[in-house]
PDB file of N, CA and C in Angstrom:
ATOM      1  N   MET A   1      96.000 141.012 155.511  1.00  0.00           N
ATOM      2  CA  MET A   1      94.998 141.995 155.828  1.00  0.00           C
ATOM      3  C   MET A   1      93.639 141.619 155.253  1.00  0.00           C
ATOM      4  N   VAL A   2      93.641 140.827 154.207  1.00  0.00           N
ATOM      5  CA  VAL A   2      92.373 140.418 153.612  1.00  0.00           C
ATOM      6  C   VAL A   2      91.575 139.581 154.600  1.00  0.00           C
ATOM      7  N   GLY A   3      92.218 138.639 155.284  1.00  0.00           N
ATOM      8  CA  GLY A   3      91.527 137.798 156.263  1.00  0.00           C
ATOM      9  C   GLY A   3      90.919 138.599 157.393  1.00  0.00           C
ATOM     10  N   ALA A   4      91.517 139.732 157.710  1.00  0.00           N
ATOM     11  CA  ALA A   4      90.994 140.607 158.764  1.00  0.00           C
ATOM     12  C   ALA A   4      89.936 141.569 158.218  1.00  0.00           C
ATOM     13  N   GLU A   5      89.658 141.468 156.934  1.00  0.00           N
ATOM     14  CA  GLU A   5      88.671 142.304 156.249  1.00  0.00           C
ATOM     15  C   GLU A   5      89.003 143.784 156.321  1.00  0.00           C
ATOM     16  N   LEU A   6      90.304 144.104 156.240  1.00  0.00           N
ATOM     17  CA  LEU A   6      90.730 145.498 156.213  1.00  0.00           C
ATOM     18  C   LEU A   6      90.825 146.007 154.785  1.00  0.00           C
ATOM     19  N   THR A   7      91.022 145.090 153.835  1.00  0.00           N
ATOM     20  CA  THR A   7      91.189 145.470 152.439  1.00  0.00           C
ATOM     21  C   THR A   7      90.826 144.297 151.542  1.00  0.00           C
ATOM     22  N   GLN A   8      90.510 144.619 150.320  1.00  0.00           N
ATOM     23  CA  GLN A   8      90.291 143.591 149.301  1.00  0.00           C
ATOM     24  C   GLN A   8      91.470 143.534 148.336  1.00  0.00           C
ATOM     25  N   HIS A   9      92.522 144.312 148.604  1.00  0.00           N
ATOM     26  CA  HIS A   9      93.662 144.439 147.701  1.00  0.00           C
ATOM     27  C   HIS A   9      94.850 143.645 148.217  1.00  0.00           C
ATOM     28  N   ASN A  10      94.709 142.338 148.188  1.00  0.00           N
ATOM     29  CA  ASN A  10      95.743 141.460 148.705  1.00  0.00           C
ATOM     30  C   ASN A  10      97.044 141.619 147.931  1.00  0.00           C
ATOM     31  N   ARG A  11      98.126 141.831 148.646  1.00  0.00           N
ATOM     32  CA  ARG A  11      99.481 141.920 148.080  1.00  0.00           C
ATOM     33  C   ARG A  11      99.652 143.064 147.091  1.00  0.00           C
ATOM     34  N   ASP A  12      98.904 144.136 147.279  1.00  0.00           N
ATOM     35  CA  ASP A  12      99.033 145.315 146.421  1.00  0.00           C
ATOM     36  C   ASP A  12      99.099 146.557 147.314  1.00  0.00           C
ATOM     37  N   PRO A  13     100.295 146.841 147.876  1.00  0.00           N
ATOM     38  CA  PRO A  13     100.399 147.948 148.827  1.00  0.00           C
ATOM     39  C   PRO A  13     100.010 149.308 148.252  1.00  0.00           C
ATOM     40  N   ASP A  14     100.215 149.532 146.949  1.00  0.00           N
ATOM     41  CA  ASP A  14      99.803 150.799 146.361  1.00  0.00           C
ATOM     42  C   ASP A  14      98.284 150.956 146.389  1.00  0.00           C
ATOM     43  N   ALA A  15      97.567 149.902 146.046  1.00  0.00           N
ATOM     44  CA  ALA A  15      96.099 149.945 146.077  1.00  0.00           C
ATOM     45  C   ALA A  15      95.595 150.075 147.513  1.00  0.00           C
ATOM     46  N   VAL A  16      96.234 149.390 148.435  1.00  0.00           N
ATOM     47  CA  VAL A  16      95.837 149.479 149.847  1.00  0.00           C
ATOM     48  C   VAL A  16      95.986 150.922 150.332  1.00  0.00           C
ATOM     49  N   LEU A  17      97.069 151.571 149.943  1.00  0.00           N
ATOM     50  CA  LEU A  17      97.283 152.965 150.342  1.00  0.00           C
ATOM     51  C   LEU A  17      96.255 153.885 149.683  1.00  0.00           C
ATOM     52  N   ARG A  18      96.069 153.747 148.381  1.00  0.00           N
ATOM     53  CA  ARG A  18      95.148 154.636 147.656  1.00  0.00           C
ATOM     54  C   ARG A  18      93.691 154.437 148.046  1.00  0.00           C
ATOM     55  N   HIS A  19      93.255 153.186 148.144  1.00  0.00           N
ATOM     56  CA  HIS A  19      91.837 152.910 148.337  1.00  0.00           C
ATOM     57  C   HIS A  19      91.427 152.723 149.802  1.00  0.00           C
ATOM     58  N   ASP A  20      92.317 152.154 150.589  1.00  0.00           N
ATOM     59  CA  ASP A  20      91.959 151.830 151.970  1.00  0.00           C
ATOM     60  C   ASP A  20      92.636 152.738 152.998  1.00  0.00           C
ATOM     61  N   ARG A  21      93.546 153.596 152.515  1.00  0.00           N
ATOM     62  CA  ARG A  21      94.256 154.556 153.374  1.00  0.00           C
ATOM     63  C   ARG A  21      95.063 153.845 154.460  1.00  0.00           C
ATOM     64  N   ILE A  22      95.658 152.703 154.094  1.00  0.00           N
ATOM     65  CA  ILE A  22      96.516 151.950 154.992  1.00  0.00           C
ATOM     66  C   ILE A  22      97.906 151.961 154.383  1.00  0.00           C
ATOM     67  N   GLY A  23      98.876 152.501 155.119  1.00  0.00           N
ATOM     68  CA  GLY A  23     100.246 152.547 154.638  1.00  0.00           C
ATOM     69  C   GLY A  23     101.108 151.541 155.369  1.00  0.00           C
ATOM     70  N   MET A  24     102.169 151.118 154.706  1.00  0.00           N
ATOM     71  CA  MET A  24     103.061 150.128 155.299  1.00  0.00           C
ATOM     72  C   MET A  24     104.512 150.547 155.095  1.00  0.00           C
ATOM     73  N   THR A  25     105.329 150.276 156.084  1.00  0.00           N
ATOM     74  CA  THR A  25     106.759 150.475 155.947  1.00  0.00           C
ATOM     75  C   THR A  25     107.455 149.509 156.887  1.00  0.00           C
ATOM     76  N   ASP A  26     108.752 149.441 156.761  1.00  0.00           N
ATOM     77  CA  ASP A  26     109.556 148.589 157.633  1.00  0.00           C
ATOM     78  C   ASP A  26     110.315 149.466 158.609  1.00  0.00           C
ATOM     79  N   ILE A  27     110.552 148.955 159.801  1.00  0.00           N
ATOM     80  CA  ILE A  27     111.398 149.679 160.751  1.00  0.00           C
ATOM     81  C   ILE A  27     112.843 149.623 160.278  1.00  0.00           C
ATOM     82  N   VAL A  28     113.278 148.447 159.898  1.00  0.00           N
ATOM     83  CA  VAL A  28     114.649 148.276 159.416  1.00  0.00           C
ATOM     84  C   VAL A  28     114.584 147.942 157.938  1.00  0.00           C
ATOM     85  N   LYS A  29     115.293 148.693 157.143  1.00  0.00           N
ATOM     86  CA  LYS A  29     115.230 148.577 155.688  1.00  0.00           C
ATOM     87  C   LYS A  29     116.296 147.637 155.127  1.00  0.00           C
ATOM     88  N   ARG A  30     116.379 146.447 155.677  1.00  0.00           N
ATOM     89  CA  ARG A  30     117.209 145.404 155.072  1.00  0.00           C
ATOM     90  C   ARG A  30     116.608 144.059 155.424  1.00  0.00           C
ATOM     91  N   THR A  31     116.760 143.113 154.537  1.00  0.00           N
ATOM     92  CA  THR A  31     116.193 141.798 154.779  1.00  0.00           C
ATOM     93  C   THR A  31     117.147 140.941 155.606  1.00  0.00           C
ATOM     94  N   THR A  32     116.545 140.116 156.422  1.00  0.00           N
ATOM     95  CA  THR A  32     117.312 139.163 157.225  1.00  0.00           C
ATOM     96  C   THR A  32     116.505 137.870 157.291  1.00  0.00           C
ATOM     97  N   ARG A  33     117.165 136.826 157.664  1.00  0.00           N
ATOM     98  CA  ARG A  33     116.444 135.567 157.871  1.00  0.00           C
ATOM     99  C   ARG A  33     115.749 135.562 159.217  1.00  0.00           C
ATOM    100  N   ARG A  34     116.380 136.229 160.178  1.00  0.00           N
ATOM    101  CA  ARG A  34     115.845 136.260 161.538  1.00  0.00           C
ATOM    102  C   ARG A  34     116.020 137.672 162.112  1.00  0.00           C
ATOM    103  N   ALA A  35     115.095 138.051 162.964  1.00  0.00           N
ATOM    104  CA  ALA A  35     115.188 139.360 163.617  1.00  0.00           C
ATOM    105  C   ALA A  35     116.456 139.477 164.452  1.00  0.00           C
ATOM    106  N   SER A  36     116.971 138.369 164.939  1.00  0.00           N
ATOM    107  CA  SER A  36     118.176 138.399 165.774  1.00  0.00           C
ATOM    108  C   SER A  36     119.410 138.863 164.993  1.00  0.00           C
ATOM    109  N   GLU A  37     119.321 138.926 163.667  1.00  0.00           N
ATOM    110  CA  GLU A  37     120.426 139.416 162.848  1.00  0.00           C
ATOM    111  C   GLU A  37     120.504 140.947 162.854  1.00  0.00           C
ATOM    112  N   LEU A  38     119.492 141.602 163.357  1.00  0.00           N
ATOM    113  CA  LEU A  38     119.465 143.064 163.418  1.00  0.00           C
ATOM    114  C   LEU A  38     120.108 143.533 164.722  1.00  0.00           C
ATOM    115  N   ASN A  39     120.683 144.728 164.681  1.00  0.00           N
ATOM    116  CA  ASN A  39     121.257 145.260 165.921  1.00  0.00           C
ATOM    117  C   ASN A  39     120.378 146.392 166.449  1.00  0.00           C
ATOM    118  N   ASN A  40     120.574 146.717 167.704  1.00  0.00           N
ATOM    119  CA  ASN A  40     119.728 147.717 168.354  1.00  0.00           C
ATOM    120  C   ASN A  40     119.788 149.071 167.668  1.00  0.00           C
ATOM    121  N   ALA A  41     120.967 149.450 167.163  1.00  0.00           N
ATOM    122  CA  ALA A  41     121.093 150.744 166.486  1.00  0.00           C
ATOM    123  C   ALA A  41     120.167 150.815 165.273  1.00  0.00           C
ATOM    124  N   GLU A  42     120.009 149.708 164.554  1.00  0.00           N
ATOM    125  CA  GLU A  42     119.107 149.684 163.397  1.00  0.00           C
ATOM    126  C   GLU A  42     117.663 149.889 163.827  1.00  0.00           C
ATOM    127  N   TYR A  43     117.287 149.263 164.925  1.00  0.00           N
ATOM    128  CA  TYR A  43     115.923 149.443 165.443  1.00  0.00           C
ATOM    129  C   TYR A  43     115.684 150.893 165.868  1.00  0.00           C
ATOM    130  N   PHE A  44     116.623 151.484 166.595  1.00  0.00           N
ATOM    131  CA  PHE A  44     116.450 152.862 167.063  1.00  0.00           C
ATOM    132  C   PHE A  44     116.393 153.846 165.897  1.00  0.00           C
ATOM    133  N   ALA A  45     117.271 153.673 164.912  1.00  0.00           N
ATOM    134  CA  ALA A  45     117.253 154.550 163.741  1.00  0.00           C
ATOM    135  C   ALA A  45     115.944 154.380 162.966  1.00  0.00           C
ATOM    136  N   GLY A  46     115.492 153.146 162.834  1.00  0.00           N
ATOM    137  CA  GLY A  46     114.243 152.881 162.125  1.00  0.00           C
ATOM    138  C   GLY A  46     113.038 153.469 162.822  1.00  0.00           C
ATOM    139  N   LEU A  47     113.006 153.361 164.145  1.00  0.00           N
ATOM    140  CA  LEU A  47     111.887 153.931 164.892  1.00  0.00           C
ATOM    141  C   LEU A  47     111.851 155.447 164.721  1.00  0.00           C
ATOM    142  N   ALA A  48     113.010 156.081 164.743  1.00  0.00           N
ATOM    143  CA  ALA A  48     113.066 157.535 164.548  1.00  0.00           C
ATOM    144  C   ALA A  48     112.554 157.911 163.156  1.00  0.00           C
ATOM    145  N   ARG A  49     112.923 157.127 162.136  1.00  0.00           N
ATOM    146  CA  ARG A  49     112.456 157.381 160.772  1.00  0.00           C
ATOM    147  C   ARG A  49     110.938 157.238 160.680  1.00  0.00           C
ATOM    148  N   VAL A  50     110.407 156.182 161.277  1.00  0.00           N
ATOM    149  CA  VAL A  50     108.955 155.965 161.231  1.00  0.00           C
ATOM    150  C   VAL A  50     108.235 157.068 162.005  1.00  0.00           C
ATOM    151  N   GLU A  51     108.802 157.499 163.106  1.00  0.00           N
ATOM    152  CA  GLU A  51     108.156 158.593 163.856  1.00  0.00           C
ATOM    153  C   GLU A  51     108.096 159.868 163.021  1.00  0.00           C
ATOM    154  N   ARG A  52     109.144 160.141 162.256  1.00  0.00           N
ATOM    155  CA  ARG A  52     109.112 161.311 161.362  1.00  0.00           C
ATOM    156  C   ARG A  52     108.023 161.148 160.302  1.00  0.00           C
ATOM    157  N   LEU A  53     107.895 159.950 159.736  1.00  0.00           N
ATOM    158  CA  LEU A  53     106.845 159.691 158.749  1.00  0.00           C
ATOM    159  C   LEU A  53     105.453 159.892 159.350  1.00  0.00           C
ATOM    160  N   VAL A  54     105.259 159.368 160.533  1.00  0.00           N
ATOM    161  CA  VAL A  54     103.952 159.486 161.197  1.00  0.00           C
ATOM    162  C   VAL A  54     103.647 160.946 161.514  1.00  0.00           C
ATOM    163  N   SER A  55     104.642 161.688 161.977  1.00  0.00           N
ATOM    164  CA  SER A  55     104.436 163.118 162.259  1.00  0.00           C
ATOM    165  C   SER A  55     104.033 163.869 160.992  1.00  0.00           C
ATOM    166  N   TRP A  56     104.608 163.477 159.886  1.00  0.00           N
ATOM    167  CA  TRP A  56     104.326 164.125 158.610  1.00  0.00           C
ATOM    168  C   TRP A  56     102.965 163.716 158.050  1.00  0.00           C
ATOM    169  N   LEU A  57     102.688 162.414 158.016  1.00  0.00           N
ATOM    170  CA  LEU A  57     101.480 161.897 157.364  1.00  0.00           C
ATOM    171  C   LEU A  57     100.239 161.898 158.252  1.00  0.00           C
ATOM    172  N   GLN A  58     100.433 161.889 159.575  1.00  0.00           N
ATOM    173  CA  GLN A  58      99.338 161.953 160.543  1.00  0.00           C
ATOM    174  C   GLN A  58      98.254 160.895 160.337  1.00  0.00           C
ATOM    175  N   PRO A  59      98.634 159.608 160.336  1.00  0.00           N
ATOM    176  CA  PRO A  59      97.601 158.570 160.255  1.00  0.00           C
ATOM    177  C   PRO A  59      96.776 158.546 161.537  1.00  0.00           C
ATOM    178  N   GLN A  60      95.637 157.887 161.501  1.00  0.00           N
ATOM    179  CA  GLN A  60      94.822 157.774 162.711  1.00  0.00           C
ATOM    180  C   GLN A  60      95.541 156.965 163.775  1.00  0.00           C
ATOM    181  N   LYS A  61      96.182 155.879 163.346  1.00  0.00           N
ATOM    182  CA  LYS A  61      96.852 154.956 164.266  1.00  0.00           C
ATOM    183  C   LYS A  61      98.082 154.394 163.583  1.00  0.00           C
ATOM    184  N   VAL A  62      98.938 153.792 164.405  1.00  0.00           N
ATOM    185  CA  VAL A  62     100.114 153.099 163.896  1.00  0.00           C
ATOM    186  C   VAL A  62     100.052 151.658 164.388  1.00  0.00           C
ATOM    187  N   LEU A  63     100.226 150.725 163.466  1.00  0.00           N
ATOM    188  CA  LEU A  63     100.288 149.310 163.819  1.00  0.00           C
ATOM    189  C   LEU A  63     101.730 148.873 163.668  1.00  0.00           C
ATOM    190  N   PHE A  64     102.315 148.425 164.746  1.00  0.00           N
ATOM    191  CA  PHE A  64     103.704 147.970 164.762  1.00  0.00           C
ATOM    192  C   PHE A  64     103.682 146.457 164.833  1.00  0.00           C
ATOM    193  N   VAL A  65     104.182 145.806 163.790  1.00  0.00           N
ATOM    194  CA  VAL A  65     104.208 144.350 163.736  1.00  0.00           C
ATOM    195  C   VAL A  65     105.578 143.872 164.182  1.00  0.00           C
ATOM    196  N   GLY A  66     105.621 143.229 165.331  1.00  0.00           N
ATOM    197  CA  GLY A  66     106.873 142.720 165.871  1.00  0.00           C
ATOM    198  C   GLY A  66     107.070 143.160 167.302  1.00  0.00           C
ATOM    199  N   LEU A  67     106.486 142.428 168.195  1.00  0.00           N
ATOM    200  CA  LEU A  67     106.572 142.743 169.618  1.00  0.00           C
ATOM    201  C   LEU A  67     108.015 142.763 170.109  1.00  0.00           C
ATOM    202  N   ALA A  68     108.845 141.855 169.613  1.00  0.00           N
ATOM    203  CA  ALA A  68     110.247 141.793 170.054  1.00  0.00           C
ATOM    204  C   ALA A  68     110.984 143.077 169.695  1.00  0.00           C
ATOM    205  N   GLY A  69     110.766 143.596 168.500  1.00  0.00           N
ATOM    206  CA  GLY A  69     111.409 144.846 168.092  1.00  0.00           C
ATOM    207  C   GLY A  69     110.959 146.022 168.948  1.00  0.00           C
ATOM    208  N   TRP A  70     109.673 146.095 169.232  1.00  0.00           N
ATOM    209  CA  TRP A  70     109.139 147.168 170.088  1.00  0.00           C
ATOM    210  C   TRP A  70     109.771 147.091 171.473  1.00  0.00           C
ATOM    211  N   ARG A  71     109.934 145.891 171.966  1.00  0.00           N
ATOM    212  CA  ARG A  71     110.551 145.716 173.287  1.00  0.00           C
ATOM    213  C   ARG A  71     111.993 146.206 173.292  1.00  0.00           C
ATOM    214  N   ILE A  72     112.685 146.058 172.183  1.00  0.00           N
ATOM    215  CA  ILE A  72     114.079 146.524 172.116  1.00  0.00           C
ATOM    216  C   ILE A  72     114.151 148.036 172.169  1.00  0.00           C
ATOM    217  N   VAL A  73     113.283 148.720 171.436  1.00  0.00           N
ATOM    218  CA  VAL A  73     113.423 150.172 171.315  1.00  0.00           C
ATOM    219  C   VAL A  73     112.540 150.995 172.246  1.00  0.00           C
ATOM    220  N   VAL A  74     111.493 150.408 172.802  1.00  0.00           N
ATOM    221  CA  VAL A  74     110.563 151.225 173.583  1.00  0.00           C
ATOM    222  C   VAL A  74     110.336 150.706 174.997  1.00  0.00           C
ATOM    223  N   ASP A  75     109.853 149.480 175.121  1.00  0.00           N
ATOM    224  CA  ASP A  75     109.421 148.991 176.432  1.00  0.00           C
ATOM    225  C   ASP A  75     109.698 147.500 176.543  1.00  0.00           C
ATOM    226  N   LYS A  76     110.675 147.154 177.358  1.00  0.00           N
ATOM    227  CA  LYS A  76     111.075 145.743 177.501  1.00  0.00           C
ATOM    228  C   LYS A  76     109.946 144.848 177.989  1.00  0.00           C
ATOM    229  N   GLY A  77     108.994 145.396 178.703  1.00  0.00           N
ATOM    230  CA  GLY A  77     107.898 144.598 179.240  1.00  0.00           C
ATOM    231  C   GLY A  77     106.600 144.718 178.461  1.00  0.00           C
ATOM    232  N   ALA A  78     106.664 145.279 177.256  1.00  0.00           N
ATOM    233  CA  ALA A  78     105.446 145.514 176.474  1.00  0.00           C
ATOM    234  C   ALA A  78     104.712 144.219 176.170  1.00  0.00           C
ATOM    235  N   LYS A  79     103.405 144.337 176.133  1.00  0.00           N
ATOM    236  CA  LYS A  79     102.536 143.233 175.729  1.00  0.00           C
ATOM    237  C   LYS A  79     101.775 143.685 174.489  1.00  0.00           C
ATOM    238  N   ALA A  80     101.293 142.744 173.722  1.00  0.00           N
ATOM    239  CA  ALA A  80     100.535 143.077 172.521  1.00  0.00           C
ATOM    240  C   ALA A  80      99.326 143.920 172.897  1.00  0.00           C
ATOM    241  N   GLY A  81      98.994 144.865 172.029  1.00  0.00           N
ATOM    242  CA  GLY A  81      97.857 145.752 172.248  1.00  0.00           C
ATOM    243  C   GLY A  81      98.272 147.199 172.110  1.00  0.00           C
ATOM    244  N   PHE A  82      97.356 148.101 172.481  1.00  0.00           N
ATOM    245  CA  PHE A  82      97.675 149.529 172.429  1.00  0.00           C
ATOM    246  C   PHE A  82      98.703 149.854 173.507  1.00  0.00           C
ATOM    247  N   GLN A  83      99.629 150.733 173.170  1.00  0.00           N
ATOM    248  CA  GLN A  83     100.748 151.071 174.043  1.00  0.00           C
ATOM    249  C   GLN A  83     100.554 152.448 174.670  1.00  0.00           C
ATOM    250  N   ASP A  84     101.278 152.694 175.762  1.00  0.00           N
ATOM    251  CA  ASP A  84     101.275 154.025 176.366  1.00  0.00           C
ATOM    252  C   ASP A  84     102.040 155.014 175.483  1.00  0.00           C
ATOM    253  N   ARG A  85     103.078 154.542 174.834  1.00  0.00           N
ATOM    254  CA  ARG A  85     103.935 155.381 173.980  1.00  0.00           C
ATOM    255  C   ARG A  85     103.235 155.622 172.653  1.00  0.00           C
ATOM    256  N   THR A  86     103.272 156.832 172.174  1.00  0.00           N
ATOM    257  CA  THR A  86     102.732 157.156 170.857  1.00  0.00           C
ATOM    258  C   THR A  86     103.890 157.376 169.886  1.00  0.00           C
ATOM    259  N   LEU A  87     103.573 157.434 168.621  1.00  0.00           N
ATOM    260  CA  LEU A  87     104.539 157.819 167.594  1.00  0.00           C
ATOM    261  C   LEU A  87     103.948 159.005 166.853  1.00  0.00           C
ATOM    262  N   GLY A  88     104.679 160.098 166.806  1.00  0.00           N
ATOM    263  CA  GLY A  88     104.168 161.285 166.123  1.00  0.00           C
ATOM    264  C   GLY A  88     102.842 161.747 166.685  1.00  0.00           C
ATOM    265  N   GLY A  89     102.609 161.466 167.966  1.00  0.00           N
ATOM    266  CA  GLY A  89     101.361 161.852 168.605  1.00  0.00           C
ATOM    267  C   GLY A  89     100.190 160.936 168.288  1.00  0.00           C
ATOM    268  N   ARG A  90     100.446 159.833 167.638  1.00  0.00           N
ATOM    269  CA  ARG A  90      99.385 158.914 167.249  1.00  0.00           C
ATOM    270  C   ARG A  90      99.426 157.648 168.088  1.00  0.00           C
ATOM    271  N   PRO A  91      98.260 157.054 168.375  1.00  0.00           N
ATOM    272  CA  PRO A  91      98.232 155.812 169.143  1.00  0.00           C
ATOM    273  C   PRO A  91      98.944 154.685 168.408  1.00  0.00           C
ATOM    274  N   VAL A  92      99.567 153.811 169.179  1.00  0.00           N
ATOM    275  CA  VAL A  92     100.317 152.687 168.613  1.00  0.00           C
ATOM    276  C   VAL A  92      99.756 151.380 169.152  1.00  0.00           C
ATOM    277  N   TYR A  93      99.490 150.472 168.235  1.00  0.00           N
ATOM    278  CA  TYR A  93      99.106 149.109 168.573  1.00  0.00           C
ATOM    279  C   TYR A  93     100.267 148.215 168.161  1.00  0.00           C
ATOM    280  N   VAL A  94     100.709 147.356 169.067  1.00  0.00           N
ATOM    281  CA  VAL A  94     101.802 146.437 168.770  1.00  0.00           C
ATOM    282  C   VAL A  94     101.250 145.017 168.770  1.00  0.00           C
ATOM    283  N   MET A  95     101.602 144.285 167.714  1.00  0.00           N
ATOM    284  CA  MET A  95     101.166 142.894 167.614  1.00  0.00           C
ATOM    285  C   MET A  95     102.379 141.993 167.397  1.00  0.00           C
ATOM    286  N   PRO A  96     102.215 140.704 167.616  1.00  0.00           N
ATOM    287  CA  PRO A  96     103.333 139.781 167.392  1.00  0.00           C
ATOM    288  C   PRO A  96     103.768 139.770 165.931  1.00  0.00           C
ATOM    289  N   SER A  97     104.957 139.300 165.704  1.00  0.00           N
ATOM    290  CA  SER A  97     105.482 139.171 164.355  1.00  0.00           C
ATOM    291  C   SER A  97     104.630 138.203 163.540  1.00  0.00           C
ATOM    292  N   THR A  98     104.500 138.513 162.269  1.00  0.00           N
ATOM    293  CA  THR A  98     103.769 137.640 161.352  1.00  0.00           C
ATOM    294  C   THR A  98     104.681 136.595 160.717  1.00  0.00           C
ATOM    295  N   SER A  99     105.939 136.601 161.096  1.00  0.00           N
ATOM    296  CA  SER A  99     106.903 135.653 160.542  1.00  0.00           C
ATOM    297  C   SER A  99     106.483 134.215 160.832  1.00  0.00           C
ATOM    298  N   GLY A 100     106.705 133.362 159.871  1.00  0.00           N
ATOM    299  CA  GLY A 100     106.442 131.942 160.072  1.00  0.00           C
ATOM    300  C   GLY A 100     107.314 131.337 161.155  1.00  0.00           C
ATOM    301  N   LEU A 101     108.398 132.027 161.519  1.00  0.00           N
ATOM    302  CA  LEU A 101     109.271 131.553 162.590  1.00  0.00           C
ATOM    303  C   LEU A 101     108.658 131.789 163.971  1.00  0.00           C
ATOM    304  N   ASN A 102     107.618 132.606 164.033  1.00  0.00           N
ATOM    305  CA  ASN A 102     106.957 132.901 165.300  1.00  0.00           C
ATOM    306  C   ASN A 102     105.836 131.883 165.513  1.00  0.00           C
ATOM    307  N   ALA A 103     106.171 130.788 166.154  1.00  0.00           N
ATOM    308  CA  ALA A 103     105.204 129.698 166.352  1.00  0.00           C
ATOM    309  C   ALA A 103     104.087 130.072 167.319  1.00  0.00           C
ATOM    310  N   HIS A 104     104.279 131.114 168.115  1.00  0.00           N
ATOM    311  CA  HIS A 104     103.274 131.500 169.110  1.00  0.00           C
ATOM    312  C   HIS A 104     102.077 132.206 168.477  1.00  0.00           C
ATOM    313  N   ALA A 105     102.255 132.794 167.302  1.00  0.00           N
ATOM    314  CA  ALA A 105     101.178 133.557 166.680  1.00  0.00           C
ATOM    315  C   ALA A 105     100.648 132.809 165.468  1.00  0.00           C
ATOM    316  N   GLN A 106      99.454 132.302 165.584  1.00  0.00           N
ATOM    317  CA  GLN A 106      98.796 131.599 164.481  1.00  0.00           C
ATOM    318  C   GLN A 106      97.910 132.591 163.724  1.00  0.00           C
ATOM    319  N   LEU A 107      97.532 132.255 162.511  1.00  0.00           N
ATOM    320  CA  LEU A 107      96.761 133.157 161.664  1.00  0.00           C
ATOM    321  C   LEU A 107      95.513 133.721 162.349  1.00  0.00           C
ATOM    322  N   PRO A 108      94.692 132.915 163.038  1.00  0.00           N
ATOM    323  CA  PRO A 108      93.525 133.505 163.705  1.00  0.00           C
ATOM    324  C   PRO A 108      93.914 134.565 164.750  1.00  0.00           C
ATOM    325  N   ASP A 109      95.027 134.353 165.451  1.00  0.00           N
ATOM    326  CA  ASP A 109      95.504 135.338 166.434  1.00  0.00           C
ATOM    327  C   ASP A 109      95.924 136.630 165.737  1.00  0.00           C
ATOM    328  N   LEU A 110      96.625 136.505 164.621  1.00  0.00           N
ATOM    329  CA  LEU A 110      97.093 137.683 163.894  1.00  0.00           C
ATOM    330  C   LEU A 110      95.913 138.478 163.338  1.00  0.00           C
ATOM    331  N   ILE A 111      94.922 137.776 162.824  1.00  0.00           N
ATOM    332  CA  ILE A 111      93.710 138.449 162.330  1.00  0.00           C
ATOM    333  C   ILE A 111      93.025 139.186 163.472  1.00  0.00           C
ATOM    334  N   GLU A 112      92.951 138.554 164.619  1.00  0.00           N
ATOM    335  CA  GLU A 112      92.338 139.197 165.785  1.00  0.00           C
ATOM    336  C   GLU A 112      93.082 140.476 166.166  1.00  0.00           C
ATOM    337  N   HIS A 113      94.399 140.441 166.119  1.00  0.00           N
ATOM    338  CA  HIS A 113      95.187 141.653 166.418  1.00  0.00           C
ATOM    339  C   HIS A 113      94.929 142.760 165.402  1.00  0.00           C
ATOM    340  N   LEU A 114      94.893 142.404 164.115  1.00  0.00           N
ATOM    341  CA  LEU A 114      94.623 143.408 163.088  1.00  0.00           C
ATOM    342  C   LEU A 114      93.259 144.050 163.306  1.00  0.00           C
ATOM    343  N   GLN A 115      92.272 143.251 163.624  1.00  0.00           N
ATOM    344  CA  GLN A 115      90.935 143.796 163.863  1.00  0.00           C
ATOM    345  C   GLN A 115      90.906 144.660 165.117  1.00  0.00           C
ATOM    346  N   ALA A 116      91.569 144.236 166.177  1.00  0.00           N
ATOM    347  CA  ALA A 116      91.605 145.021 167.419  1.00  0.00           C
ATOM    348  C   ALA A 116      92.289 146.360 167.188  1.00  0.00           C
ATOM    349  N   ALA A 117      93.329 146.371 166.376  1.00  0.00           N
ATOM    350  CA  ALA A 117      94.055 147.611 166.106  1.00  0.00           C
ATOM    351  C   ALA A 117      93.193 148.594 165.339  1.00  0.00           C
ATOM    352  N   THR A 118      92.365 148.102 164.430  1.00  0.00           N
ATOM    353  CA  THR A 118      91.554 149.007 163.631  1.00  0.00           C
ATOM    354  C   THR A 118      90.284 149.451 164.340  1.00  0.00           C
ATOM    355  N   LEU A 119      89.779 148.628 165.230  1.00  0.00           N
ATOM    356  CA  LEU A 119      88.539 148.982 165.933  1.00  0.00           C
ATOM    357  C   LEU A 119      88.793 149.839 167.164  1.00  0.00           C
ATOM    358  N   GLY A 120      89.967 149.675 167.762  1.00  0.00           N
ATOM    359  CA  GLY A 120      90.275 150.366 169.019  1.00  0.00           C
ATOM    360  C   GLY A 120      90.517 151.827 168.903  1.00  0.00           C
TER     361      GLY A 120
END
C-alpha cells in the first residue's frame, strides 16, 4: 500500500486502521500455499463473514484482493475493477491476487489497481 501512496505505515495494520482508516481481513482464515487448496465452502463462508463486517463497519468501499476467489463465490466472468455486486451495500473493487505465484500481476499493475480502487 505504501507504493500506491495509500499509507505511510508499511506492514503495520493497526496503524493503517487507526490513522488511514483502511481495514484488512482475509476471506478464508487459514494459510495455504496455493489458493487451489481452499474449497468453495470456505470461500462462501468467508464472503458471508466479510459481508457482515462491512454491514457493521460501513466502510466507503471494499477492496477484494483475489480475482479467482471472487469468481468462485460471486461472478465466474468477473474482471478486475468495480463490480456490480456490493457487500453490505458498499461498492466492491476486485483486483488480482498479490501472491508471487500470480505471474500476470506485476507490482506496477497492483499499484494501479490500489489507486483505481481508492479514487473510484
